[in-house]
Amino acid sequence: MTAGKRSQSAELNQKEERAKSALHKAGQVVLEGHIKHCVREGIEHGDPDKTIENFTKAVEHFANMK
């Protein structure tokens, strides 16, 4: 591989990592909003067990994002 191609590859890897980081941060914001509104509402006025089950699934999904 030439130096130019290595440089392009490194640049693409950096861009990919920055994009993943931005998506991860967006996911954190969404999850936080879900906790503050949906989870709170579900626990206070709905089915707490179902709310916790659904929240657990959301956290697992978020944790598995790569």
C-alpha atoms as a PDB file:
ATOM      1  CA  MET A   1       0.000   0.000   0.000  1.00  0.00           C
ATOM      2  CA  THR A   2       1.355   3.417  -0.856  1.00  0.00           C
ATOM      3  CA  ALA A   3       1.727   6.250   1.621  1.00  0.00           C
ATOM      4  CA  GLY A   4      -1.113   8.123  -0.093  1.00  0.00           C
ATOM      5  CA  LYS A   5      -3.497   5.190   0.211  1.00  0.00           C
ATOM      6  CA  ARG A   6      -2.538   4.687   3.883  1.00  0.00           C
ATOM      7  CA  SER A   7      -3.234   8.360   4.506  1.00  0.00           C
ATOM      8  CA  GLN A   8      -6.638   8.095   2.817  1.00  0.00           C
ATOM      9  CA  SER A   9      -7.437   4.964   4.791  1.00  0.00           C
ATOM     10  CA  ALA A  10      -6.462   6.626   8.072  1.00  0.00           C
ATOM     11  CA  GLU A  11      -8.568   9.661   7.203  1.00  0.00           C
ATOM     12  CA  LEU A  12     -11.579   7.475   6.427  1.00  0.00           C
ATOM     13  CA  ASN A  13     -11.117   5.609   9.706  1.00  0.00           C
ATOM     14  CA  GLN A  14     -11.042   8.902  11.590  1.00  0.00           C
ATOM     15  CA  LYS A  15     -14.201  10.092   9.848  1.00  0.00           C
ATOM     16  CA  GLU A  16     -15.906   6.795  10.626  1.00  0.00           C
ATOM     17  CA  GLU A  17     -14.950   7.054  14.296  1.00  0.00           C
ATOM     18  CA  ARG A  18     -16.213  10.643  14.479  1.00  0.00           C
ATOM     19  CA  ALA A  19     -19.502   9.610  12.869  1.00  0.00           C
ATOM     20  CA  LYS A  20     -19.887   6.697  15.298  1.00  0.00           C
ATOM     21  CA  SER A  21     -19.149   9.005  18.202  1.00  0.00           C
ATOM     22  CA  ALA A  22     -21.782  11.491  17.038  1.00  0.00           C
ATOM     23  CA  LEU A  23     -24.362   8.711  16.644  1.00  0.00           C
ATOM     24  CA  HIS A  24     -23.501   7.360  20.082  1.00  0.00           C
ATOM     25  CA  LYS A  25     -24.002  10.812  21.615  1.00  0.00           C
ATOM     26  CA  ALA A  26     -27.335  11.170  19.820  1.00  0.00           C
ATOM     27  CA  GLY A  27     -28.371   7.785  21.205  1.00  0.00           C
ATOM     28  CA  GLN A  28     -27.480   8.941  24.709  1.00  0.00           C
ATOM     29  CA  VAL A  29     -29.669  12.017  24.290  1.00  0.00           C
ATOM     30  CA  VAL A  30     -32.581   9.912  23.052  1.00  0.00           C
ATOM     31  CA  LEU A  31     -32.163   7.429  25.905  1.00  0.00           C
ATOM     32  CA  GLU A  32     -32.035  10.250  28.452  1.00  0.00           C
ATOM     33  CA  GLY A  33     -35.245  11.738  27.048  1.00  0.00           C
ATOM     34  CA  HIS A  34     -36.874   8.318  27.162  1.00  0.00           C
ATOM     35  CA  ILE A  35     -35.950   7.956  30.843  1.00  0.00           C
ATOM     36  CA  LYS A  36     -37.170  11.421  31.809  1.00  0.00           C
ATOM     37  CA  HIS A  37     -40.518  11.122  30.066  1.00  0.00           C
ATOM     38  CA  CYS A  38     -41.636   7.655  28.999  1.00  0.00           C
ATOM     39  CA  VAL A  39     -40.088   5.637  31.804  1.00  0.00           C
ATOM     40  CA  ARG A  40     -41.205   8.084  34.487  1.00  0.00           C
ATOM     41  CA  GLU A  41     -44.743   8.152  33.065  1.00  0.00           C
ATOM     42  CA  GLY A  42     -44.858   4.361  32.800  1.00  0.00           C
ATOM     43  CA  ILE A  43     -43.716   3.859  36.377  1.00  0.00           C
ATOM     44  CA  GLU A  44     -45.956   6.551  37.870  1.00  0.00           C
ATOM     45  CA  HIS A  45     -49.131   5.926  35.886  1.00  0.00           C
ATOM     46  CA  GLY A  46     -48.756   2.683  34.005  1.00  0.00           C
ATOM     47  CA  ASP A  47     -47.358  -0.776  34.469  1.00  0.00           C
ATOM     48  CA  PRO A  48     -44.008  -0.448  36.306  1.00  0.00           C
ATOM     49  CA  ASP A  49     -42.894  -4.007  35.488  1.00  0.00           C
ATOM     50  CA  LYS A  50     -43.610  -3.623  31.765  1.00  0.00           C
ATOM     51  CA  THR A  51     -41.953  -0.207  31.769  1.00  0.00           C
ATOM     52  CA  ILE A  52     -38.797  -1.612  33.344  1.00  0.00           C
ATOM     53  CA  GLU A  53     -38.801  -4.529  30.892  1.00  0.00           C
ATOM     54  CA  ASN A  54     -39.105  -2.167  27.921  1.00  0.00           C
ATOM     55  CA  PHE A  55     -36.448   0.149  29.310  1.00  0.00           C
ATOM     56  CA  THR A  56     -34.082  -2.774  29.832  1.00  0.00           C
ATOM     57  CA  LYS A  57     -34.543  -3.763  26.177  1.00  0.00           C
ATOM     58  CA  ALA A  58     -33.819  -0.191  25.082  1.00  0.00           C
ATOM     59  CA  VAL A  59     -30.622  -0.084  27.146  1.00  0.00           C
ATOM     60  CA  GLU A  60     -29.503  -3.461  25.760  1.00  0.00           C
ATOM     61  CA  HIS A  61     -30.134  -2.249  22.220  1.00  0.00           C
ATOM     62  CA  PHE A  62     -28.168   0.947  22.884  1.00  0.00           C
ATOM     63  CA  ALA A  63     -25.315  -0.992  24.496  1.00  0.00           C
ATOM     64  CA  ASN A  64     -25.025  -3.273  21.461  1.00  0.00           C
ATOM     65  CA  MET A  65     -24.693  -0.415  18.977  1.00  0.00           C
ATOM     66  CA  LYS A  66     -21.224  -0.362  17.477  1.00  0.00           C
END
